[in-house]
């Protein structure tokens, strides 16, 4: 058994690992910087929509495979330390692409960026259930929400500083060296994160390998746990609702013709709202249940869509991005912690795998759909569709799902 000192140690090093990983991701944000890079490389609306689509597909589909692997691991950390190289090294590949290919062969560079993004996000999705299950072991159960909040919050605060660096790089260096340096900074932060992750203290645990197939395990889980099945419907709708936020940056670039450096400022506002709210979501979820966090997160996305719809100036979009940041942090904290609340220990891998899949796979489809809607009807229609889906997700979560800590149908 881990001692109190071990729990404190793990909370510290794993929170810092989470924070530096978040800093690394801020230098290659799929919401702001990567869409800007894609546009500079000549990408169409559908190709720009591929950025979040690839990310969400990577974060969701491989989770099913990762959950199966996790079932057979007595200790998760040694496996994670090997597999995580595939989610970290691609950012160095993006840096090399920007330095050597972006200016001379923009189309080739664009496809290379897509490939590296795919490798990284698919590795993240595969590792996700294994990592969350490890966190469930090495962090005290009463501090799960606080852990996700603290790691994500410190990471967002650091990422504000990272966004300022990115803004400076975009201004000082010519295209595409400026993006190359952004990805280089990301790679350095990934190295620090990896070193901290390796310091985690983990003991062996019982393994519960499932003898059933994926689809059978899903149908069994949905039949036996009606509350979780309702949650998956709500989570699917909320995941589809990211459609609007995926096109904020592109809409601003095309409609208002903002300067490139302003994109980094929008990213800083996005990260600032994440940072400040994270420290609220964690204690709230640990005290009142993580469903409350997700409900508030769904509302913030609705509000963000409304500001995007009715903003008449670039300055009101700072508000839209701030509410988008609130949504991201609520889903990051509450979305992962509530899966640990739902899952019984002997079925934790299955719950984490399917929960991650339903949280991410619909979000893979929504940017592609949004790109087509934008081509035919414009960005305003995309924001209206996203608004409707987010309202439906909020209502389903509110009336269809009960807090798993106080309700259990199993």
Protein backbone atom coordinates (compact mmCIF):
# COMPACT_ATOMS: atom_id res chain seq x y z
CA UNK A 1 0.00 0.00 0.00
CA UNK A 2 1.14 3.52 -0.74
CA UNK A 3 1.79 5.63 2.33
CA UNK A 4 0.55 9.17 2.94
CA UNK A 5 4.03 10.41 2.02
CA UNK A 6 3.84 8.49 -1.27
CA UNK A 7 0.47 10.06 -2.09
CA UNK A 8 1.85 13.55 -1.43
CA UNK A 9 4.94 12.81 -3.54
CA UNK A 10 2.84 11.49 -6.42
CA UNK A 11 0.45 14.44 -6.23
CA UNK A 12 3.42 16.79 -6.54
CA UNK A 13 5.41 15.14 -9.34
CA UNK A 14 2.37 14.08 -11.38
CA UNK A 15 0.77 17.50 -11.11
CA UNK A 16 3.99 19.07 -12.39
CA UNK A 17 4.19 16.46 -15.16
CA UNK A 18 0.61 17.38 -16.16
CA UNK A 19 1.51 21.08 -15.99
CA UNK A 20 4.59 20.85 -18.22
CA UNK A 21 2.70 18.62 -20.67
CA UNK A 22 -0.02 21.28 -20.84
CA UNK A 23 2.65 23.93 -21.45
CA UNK A 24 4.03 21.84 -24.30
CA UNK A 25 0.59 21.51 -25.86
CA UNK A 26 0.05 25.29 -25.71
CA UNK A 27 2.86 25.79 -28.24
CA UNK A 28 0.92 23.62 -30.69
CA UNK A 29 -2.67 24.45 -29.80
CA UNK A 30 -5.25 22.77 -32.05
CA UNK A 31 -7.59 25.68 -31.36
CA UNK A 32 -5.37 28.60 -32.36
CA UNK A 33 -1.78 28.05 -33.54
CA UNK A 34 -2.21 24.90 -35.64
CA UNK A 35 -5.21 26.33 -37.59
CA UNK A 36 -3.14 29.46 -38.23
CA UNK A 37 -0.21 27.37 -39.48
CA UNK A 38 -2.54 25.33 -41.70
CA UNK A 39 -4.02 28.47 -43.23
CA UNK A 40 -0.52 29.83 -43.90
CA UNK A 41 0.27 26.56 -45.68
CA UNK A 42 -2.78 26.98 -47.93
CA UNK A 43 -5.25 24.62 -46.24
CA UNK A 44 -8.96 24.68 -47.15
CA UNK A 45 -11.78 24.88 -44.57
CA UNK A 46 -12.16 21.10 -44.60
CA UNK A 47 -8.40 20.62 -44.19
CA UNK A 48 -8.37 23.07 -41.28
CA UNK A 49 -11.26 21.10 -39.82
CA UNK A 50 -9.04 18.02 -40.05
CA UNK A 51 -6.84 19.41 -37.26
CA UNK A 52 -9.36 18.98 -34.42
CA UNK A 53 -10.84 15.97 -36.24
CA UNK A 54 -7.51 14.12 -36.24
CA UNK A 55 -6.93 15.12 -32.62
CA UNK A 56 -10.33 13.91 -31.39
CA UNK A 57 -10.14 10.68 -33.42
CA UNK A 58 -6.70 10.05 -31.95
CA UNK A 59 -7.84 10.79 -28.42
CA UNK A 60 -10.87 8.48 -28.69
CA UNK A 61 -10.52 5.42 -30.94
CA UNK A 62 -7.18 4.04 -29.63
CA UNK A 63 -8.54 4.33 -26.07
CA UNK A 64 -10.39 1.04 -26.60
CA UNK A 65 -7.13 -0.73 -27.39
CA UNK A 66 -5.35 1.04 -24.55
CA UNK A 67 -8.02 -0.07 -22.09
CA UNK A 68 -7.47 -3.70 -23.10
CA UNK A 69 -3.72 -3.37 -22.60
CA UNK A 70 -4.25 -1.68 -19.24
CA UNK A 71 -6.27 -4.66 -17.97
CA UNK A 72 -3.15 -6.83 -18.12
CA UNK A 73 -0.66 -4.44 -16.52
CA UNK A 74 0.08 -4.85 -12.82
CA UNK A 75 2.16 -1.66 -13.01
CA UNK A 76 1.24 0.99 -15.59
CA UNK A 77 4.23 3.35 -15.35
CA UNK A 78 6.94 1.28 -17.14
CA UNK A 79 4.65 0.78 -20.13
CA UNK A 80 3.60 4.45 -20.19
CA UNK A 81 7.20 5.65 -20.18
CA UNK A 82 7.86 3.69 -23.37
CA UNK A 83 4.62 4.45 -25.21
CA UNK A 84 4.58 8.16 -24.36
CA UNK A 85 7.58 8.79 -26.63
CA UNK A 86 5.19 8.48 -29.57
CA UNK A 87 3.07 11.38 -28.27
CA UNK A 88 6.07 13.63 -27.52
CA UNK A 89 8.59 13.16 -30.35
CA UNK A 90 6.18 14.24 -33.15
CA UNK A 91 6.41 17.85 -31.93
CA UNK A 92 10.11 17.77 -32.70
CA UNK A 93 9.11 16.43 -36.12
CA UNK A 94 6.78 19.40 -36.61
CA UNK A 95 9.62 21.77 -35.72
CA UNK A 96 11.89 20.16 -38.33
CA UNK A 97 9.06 20.34 -40.88
CA UNK A 98 8.61 24.07 -40.32
CA UNK A 99 12.35 24.80 -40.48
CA UNK A 100 13.08 22.82 -43.64
CA UNK A 101 9.91 22.23 -45.69
CA UNK A 102 7.16 24.77 -44.95
CA UNK A 103 8.51 27.60 -47.10
CA UNK A 104 9.65 25.56 -50.09
CA UNK A 105 6.96 22.82 -50.12
CA UNK A 106 3.90 24.08 -48.20
CA UNK A 107 1.55 21.26 -49.26
CA UNK A 108 4.09 18.60 -48.31
CA UNK A 109 4.66 20.37 -44.99
CA UNK A 110 0.91 20.52 -44.34
CA UNK A 111 0.56 16.77 -44.81
CA UNK A 112 3.60 16.13 -42.62
CA UNK A 113 2.02 18.21 -39.86
CA UNK A 114 -1.17 16.15 -40.18
CA UNK A 115 0.86 12.91 -39.95
CA UNK A 116 2.80 14.04 -36.90
CA UNK A 117 -0.39 15.30 -35.25
CA UNK A 118 -2.00 11.93 -35.94
CA UNK A 119 0.88 9.96 -34.43
CA UNK A 120 0.93 12.15 -31.33
CA UNK A 121 -2.81 12.20 -30.68
CA UNK A 122 -3.27 8.49 -31.41
CA UNK A 123 -0.54 7.76 -28.86
CA UNK A 124 -2.30 10.06 -26.37
CA UNK A 125 -5.59 8.25 -26.93
CA UNK A 126 -3.96 4.84 -26.52
CA UNK A 127 -2.15 5.85 -23.33
CA UNK A 128 -5.11 7.79 -21.91
CA UNK A 129 -7.00 4.95 -20.14
CA UNK A 130 -3.74 3.45 -18.89
CA UNK A 131 -2.60 6.81 -17.50
CA UNK A 132 -5.97 7.63 -15.89
CA UNK A 133 -6.07 4.19 -14.27
CA UNK A 134 -2.56 4.75 -12.93
CA UNK A 135 -3.65 8.13 -11.54
CA UNK A 136 -6.56 6.36 -9.85
CA UNK A 137 -3.98 4.18 -8.10
CA UNK A 138 -1.25 6.66 -7.18
CA UNK A 139 -3.43 9.66 -6.22
CA UNK A 140 -5.68 9.44 -3.14
CA UNK A 141 -9.34 8.93 -4.23
CA UNK A 142 -10.45 11.95 -2.23
CA UNK A 143 -8.10 14.15 -4.25
CA UNK A 144 -8.82 13.04 -7.81
CA UNK A 145 -10.63 16.23 -8.72
CA UNK A 146 -8.04 18.40 -7.00
CA UNK A 147 -5.25 16.59 -8.85
CA UNK A 148 -6.76 17.16 -12.30
CA UNK A 149 -7.54 20.75 -11.34
CA UNK A 150 -4.10 21.48 -9.94
CA UNK A 151 -2.17 19.91 -12.81
CA UNK A 152 -4.35 21.48 -15.47
CA UNK A 153 -4.47 24.81 -13.62
CA UNK A 154 -0.73 25.17 -13.13
CA UNK A 155 -0.28 24.03 -16.72
CA UNK A 156 -2.67 26.68 -17.97
CA UNK A 157 -0.89 29.39 -15.95
CA UNK A 158 2.43 28.28 -17.42
CA UNK A 159 0.81 28.16 -20.85
CA UNK A 160 -0.14 31.84 -20.60
CA UNK A 161 3.56 32.55 -20.38
CA UNK A 162 4.05 30.09 -23.24
CA UNK A 163 1.50 31.95 -25.34
CA UNK A 164 3.35 35.21 -24.79
CA UNK A 165 6.52 33.52 -25.99
CA UNK A 166 4.63 32.15 -29.00
CA UNK A 167 3.28 35.62 -29.78
CA UNK A 168 6.81 37.03 -29.65
CA UNK A 169 8.13 34.27 -31.88
CA UNK A 170 5.38 34.89 -34.45
CA UNK A 171 6.27 38.60 -34.53
CA UNK A 172 10.06 38.42 -34.53
CA UNK A 173 10.82 35.50 -36.85
CA UNK A 174 9.70 35.03 -40.46
CA UNK A 175 7.31 32.30 -41.52
CA UNK A 176 7.79 29.38 -40.99
CA UNK A 177 10.75 29.63 -38.62
CA UNK A 178 8.44 31.21 -36.08
CA UNK A 179 6.27 28.08 -35.91
CA UNK A 180 9.39 25.92 -35.89
CA UNK A 181 10.59 27.62 -32.73
CA UNK A 182 7.13 27.19 -31.15
CA UNK A 183 7.30 23.43 -31.69
CA UNK A 184 10.89 23.39 -30.45
CA UNK A 185 9.79 25.00 -27.17
CA UNK A 186 7.03 22.39 -27.01
CA UNK A 187 9.60 19.59 -27.31
CA UNK A 188 11.68 21.01 -24.44
CA UNK A 189 8.62 21.15 -22.17
CA UNK A 190 7.82 17.55 -23.15
CA UNK A 191 11.27 16.44 -21.94
CA UNK A 192 10.74 18.08 -18.54
CA UNK A 193 7.29 16.50 -18.29
CA UNK A 194 8.73 13.07 -19.08
CA UNK A 195 11.38 13.37 -16.35
CA UNK A 196 8.71 14.24 -13.77
CA UNK A 197 6.42 11.41 -14.87
CA UNK A 198 9.27 8.94 -14.36
CA UNK A 199 9.43 9.90 -10.66
CA UNK A 200 5.93 8.48 -9.95
CA UNK A 201 5.77 5.88 -7.19
CA UNK A 202 3.48 2.98 -8.14
CA UNK A 203 2.88 -0.42 -6.61
CA UNK A 204 1.62 -3.55 -8.29
CA UNK A 205 -2.13 -4.05 -8.28
CA UNK A 206 -4.61 -6.80 -9.06
CA UNK A 207 -5.48 -7.16 -12.72
CA UNK A 208 -8.95 -8.05 -13.99
CA UNK A 209 -8.56 -9.09 -17.64
CA UNK A 210 -11.91 -9.27 -19.41
CA UNK A 211 -12.85 -12.40 -21.31
CA UNK A 212 -15.49 -10.68 -23.44
CA UNK A 213 -15.09 -8.72 -26.67
CA UNK A 214 -15.35 -4.97 -26.96
CA UNK A 215 -18.91 -4.78 -28.25
CA UNK A 216 -20.15 -7.39 -25.79
CA UNK A 217 -18.51 -5.53 -22.91
CA UNK A 218 -20.18 -2.31 -24.09
CA UNK A 219 -23.65 -3.85 -24.36
CA UNK A 220 -23.26 -5.55 -20.98
CA UNK A 221 -22.15 -2.30 -19.37
CA UNK A 222 -25.00 -0.31 -20.95
CA UNK A 223 -27.57 -2.89 -19.86
CA UNK A 224 -26.30 -3.20 -16.30
CA UNK A 225 -25.49 0.47 -15.67
CA UNK A 226 -28.32 2.62 -17.07
CA UNK A 227 -26.96 5.75 -15.42
CA UNK A 228 -23.63 5.39 -17.20
CA UNK A 229 -25.38 4.76 -20.54
CA UNK A 230 -27.30 8.03 -20.08
CA UNK A 231 -24.03 9.75 -19.26
CA UNK A 232 -22.48 8.49 -22.50
CA UNK A 233 -25.36 10.00 -24.50
CA UNK A 234 -24.88 13.36 -22.78
CA UNK A 235 -21.12 13.17 -23.23
CA UNK A 236 -21.58 12.43 -26.93
CA UNK A 237 -23.70 15.55 -27.41
CA UNK A 238 -21.22 17.70 -25.49
CA UNK A 239 -18.39 16.29 -27.62
CA UNK A 240 -20.28 17.15 -30.82
CA UNK A 241 -20.72 20.68 -29.50
CA UNK A 242 -17.01 21.49 -29.93
CA UNK A 243 -17.82 22.13 -33.59
CA UNK A 244 -18.18 25.87 -33.05
CA UNK A 245 -15.00 26.50 -31.09
CA UNK A 246 -12.93 24.69 -33.73
CA UNK A 247 -13.68 27.51 -36.21
CA UNK A 248 -13.34 30.62 -34.02
CA UNK A 249 -9.78 31.32 -35.18
CA UNK A 250 -10.51 30.75 -38.87
CA UNK A 251 -13.63 32.95 -38.69
CA UNK A 252 -11.63 35.76 -37.11
CA UNK A 253 -8.88 35.47 -39.71
CA UNK A 254 -11.30 35.55 -42.63
CA UNK A 255 -14.05 37.87 -41.37
CA UNK A 256 -12.09 40.43 -39.35
CA UNK A 257 -8.66 39.89 -40.95
CA UNK A 258 -6.87 40.02 -37.61
CA UNK A 259 -3.04 40.05 -37.47
CA UNK A 260 -1.32 36.74 -36.75
CA UNK A 261 0.06 37.89 -33.39
CA UNK A 262 -3.47 38.52 -32.11
CA UNK A 263 -4.14 34.79 -32.42
CA UNK A 264 -1.57 34.18 -29.68
CA UNK A 265 -3.42 36.70 -27.48
CA UNK A 266 -6.70 34.85 -27.97
CA UNK A 267 -4.83 31.70 -26.99
CA UNK A 268 -3.55 33.46 -23.86
CA UNK A 269 -7.11 34.45 -22.86
CA UNK A 270 -8.25 30.88 -23.49
CA UNK A 271 -5.49 29.57 -21.24
CA UNK A 272 -6.02 32.22 -18.56
CA UNK A 273 -9.69 31.29 -18.17
CA UNK A 274 -8.66 27.63 -17.98
CA UNK A 275 -6.06 28.37 -15.34
CA UNK A 276 -8.30 30.41 -13.07
CA UNK A 277 -11.28 28.06 -13.30
CA UNK A 278 -9.34 24.84 -12.76
CA UNK A 279 -8.69 25.68 -9.12
CA UNK A 280 -12.45 26.04 -8.67
CA UNK A 281 -13.57 22.91 -10.54
CA UNK A 282 -11.41 20.47 -8.57
CA UNK A 283 -12.56 21.30 -5.03
CA UNK A 284 -16.15 21.73 -6.27
CA UNK A 285 -16.13 18.29 -7.88
CA UNK A 286 -14.51 16.59 -4.89
CA UNK A 287 -17.11 18.19 -2.61
CA UNK A 288 -20.33 18.19 -4.67
CA UNK A 289 -19.66 15.61 -7.39
CA UNK A 290 -18.20 16.02 -10.85
CA UNK A 291 -21.57 16.10 -12.63
CA UNK A 292 -21.97 19.67 -11.35
CA UNK A 293 -18.64 20.61 -12.94
CA UNK A 294 -19.72 19.14 -16.29
CA UNK A 295 -23.08 20.95 -16.14
CA UNK A 296 -21.40 24.30 -15.60
CA UNK A 297 -18.94 23.44 -18.35
CA UNK A 298 -21.78 22.74 -20.79
CA UNK A 299 -23.37 26.10 -19.96
CA UNK A 300 -20.10 27.95 -20.58
CA UNK A 301 -19.93 26.44 -24.08
CA UNK A 302 -23.46 27.65 -24.81
CA UNK A 303 -22.48 31.15 -23.70
CA UNK A 304 -19.31 31.01 -25.80
CA UNK A 305 -21.38 30.11 -28.88
CA UNK A 306 -23.71 33.05 -28.23
CA UNK A 307 -20.85 35.54 -28.03
CA UNK A 308 -19.38 34.14 -31.26
CA UNK A 309 -22.75 34.50 -32.95
CA UNK A 310 -23.42 38.08 -31.93
CA UNK A 311 -19.92 39.56 -31.61
CA UNK A 312 -19.62 42.67 -33.75
CA UNK A 313 -15.95 43.27 -32.98
CA UNK A 314 -12.78 41.30 -32.41
CA UNK A 315 -12.79 42.33 -28.75
CA UNK A 316 -15.99 40.46 -27.90
CA UNK A 317 -14.31 37.32 -29.18
CA UNK A 318 -12.00 37.54 -26.19
CA UNK A 319 -15.11 36.78 -24.12
CA UNK A 320 -16.03 33.89 -26.42
CA UNK A 321 -12.53 32.41 -26.00
CA UNK A 322 -12.64 32.92 -22.23
CA UNK A 323 -15.87 30.89 -21.94
CA UNK A 324 -14.37 28.31 -24.29
CA UNK A 325 -11.48 28.03 -21.82
CA UNK A 326 -13.94 27.50 -18.96
CA UNK A 327 -15.51 24.68 -20.95
CA UNK A 328 -12.16 23.05 -21.69
CA UNK A 329 -11.10 23.10 -18.05
CA UNK A 330 -14.45 21.78 -16.79
CA UNK A 331 -14.31 18.86 -19.21
CA UNK A 332 -10.64 18.19 -18.39
CA UNK A 333 -11.26 18.09 -14.65
CA UNK A 334 -14.81 16.77 -14.36
CA UNK A 335 -14.78 14.58 -17.46
CA UNK A 336 -11.87 12.43 -16.32
CA UNK A 337 -12.64 12.38 -12.61
CA UNK A 338 -16.28 11.33 -13.09
CA UNK A 339 -15.15 8.26 -15.06
CA UNK A 340 -13.22 7.10 -12.00
CA UNK A 341 -16.38 7.69 -9.92
CA UNK A 342 -18.51 5.62 -12.29
CA UNK A 343 -16.10 2.70 -12.66
CA UNK A 344 -15.96 -0.21 -10.19
CA UNK A 345 -12.34 -1.36 -9.63
CA UNK A 346 -12.82 -4.69 -11.41
CA UNK A 347 -14.22 -2.96 -14.53
CA UNK A 348 -12.24 0.27 -14.46
CA UNK A 349 -10.36 -0.35 -17.70
CA UNK A 350 -13.56 -1.02 -19.66
CA UNK A 351 -15.29 2.07 -18.26
CA UNK A 352 -12.28 4.29 -18.96
CA UNK A 353 -11.89 2.93 -22.48
CA UNK A 354 -15.50 3.39 -23.53
CA UNK A 355 -15.83 6.65 -21.61
CA UNK A 356 -12.82 8.09 -23.44
CA UNK A 357 -14.17 6.83 -26.76
CA UNK A 358 -17.60 8.47 -26.38
CA UNK A 359 -15.99 11.67 -25.13
CA UNK A 360 -13.75 11.99 -28.18
CA UNK A 361 -15.07 10.13 -31.22
CA UNK A 362 -18.11 12.37 -31.84
CA UNK A 363 -15.78 15.37 -31.60
CA UNK A 364 -13.79 13.80 -34.46
CA UNK A 365 -16.84 14.02 -36.72
CA UNK A 366 -18.01 17.49 -35.70
CA UNK A 367 -15.15 19.59 -37.21
CA UNK A 368 -15.45 17.71 -40.52
CA UNK A 369 -19.19 18.37 -40.52
CA UNK A 370 -18.52 21.95 -39.44
CA UNK A 371 -16.09 22.45 -42.31
CA UNK A 372 -18.71 21.36 -44.84
CA UNK A 373 -21.38 23.55 -43.23
CA UNK A 374 -18.96 26.50 -43.33
CA UNK A 375 -18.28 25.91 -47.04
CA UNK A 376 -21.96 25.85 -47.98
CA UNK A 377 -23.64 28.11 -45.41
CA UNK A 378 -20.92 30.09 -43.64
CA UNK A 379 -19.43 30.14 -40.15
CA UNK A 380 -22.50 31.67 -38.51
CA UNK A 381 -24.51 28.55 -39.34
CA UNK A 382 -21.76 26.42 -37.78
CA UNK A 383 -22.06 28.42 -34.56
CA UNK A 384 -25.87 28.05 -34.54
CA UNK A 385 -25.68 24.27 -35.02
CA UNK A 386 -23.10 24.01 -32.23
CA UNK A 387 -25.30 26.13 -29.98
CA UNK A 388 -28.27 23.77 -30.45
CA UNK A 389 -26.19 20.65 -29.81
CA UNK A 390 -24.67 22.13 -26.65
CA UNK A 391 -28.09 23.06 -25.25
CA UNK A 392 -29.26 19.47 -25.90
CA UNK A 393 -26.15 18.08 -24.17
CA UNK A 394 -26.71 20.26 -21.11
CA UNK A 395 -30.38 19.24 -20.79
CA UNK A 396 -29.60 15.53 -21.20
CA UNK A 397 -26.90 15.70 -18.56
CA UNK A 398 -29.14 17.69 -16.20
CA UNK A 399 -32.24 15.49 -16.40
CA UNK A 400 -30.92 12.13 -17.60
CA UNK A 401 -27.83 11.53 -15.45
CA UNK A 402 -27.57 11.22 -11.69
CA UNK A 403 -24.40 11.91 -9.74
CA UNK A 404 -22.59 8.52 -9.55
CA UNK A 405 -21.34 9.05 -6.01
CA UNK A 406 -24.84 8.99 -4.53
CA UNK A 407 -26.61 6.86 -7.12
CA UNK A 408 -25.70 3.39 -8.24
CA UNK A 409 -27.98 1.09 -10.26
CA UNK A 410 -25.45 -1.68 -10.69
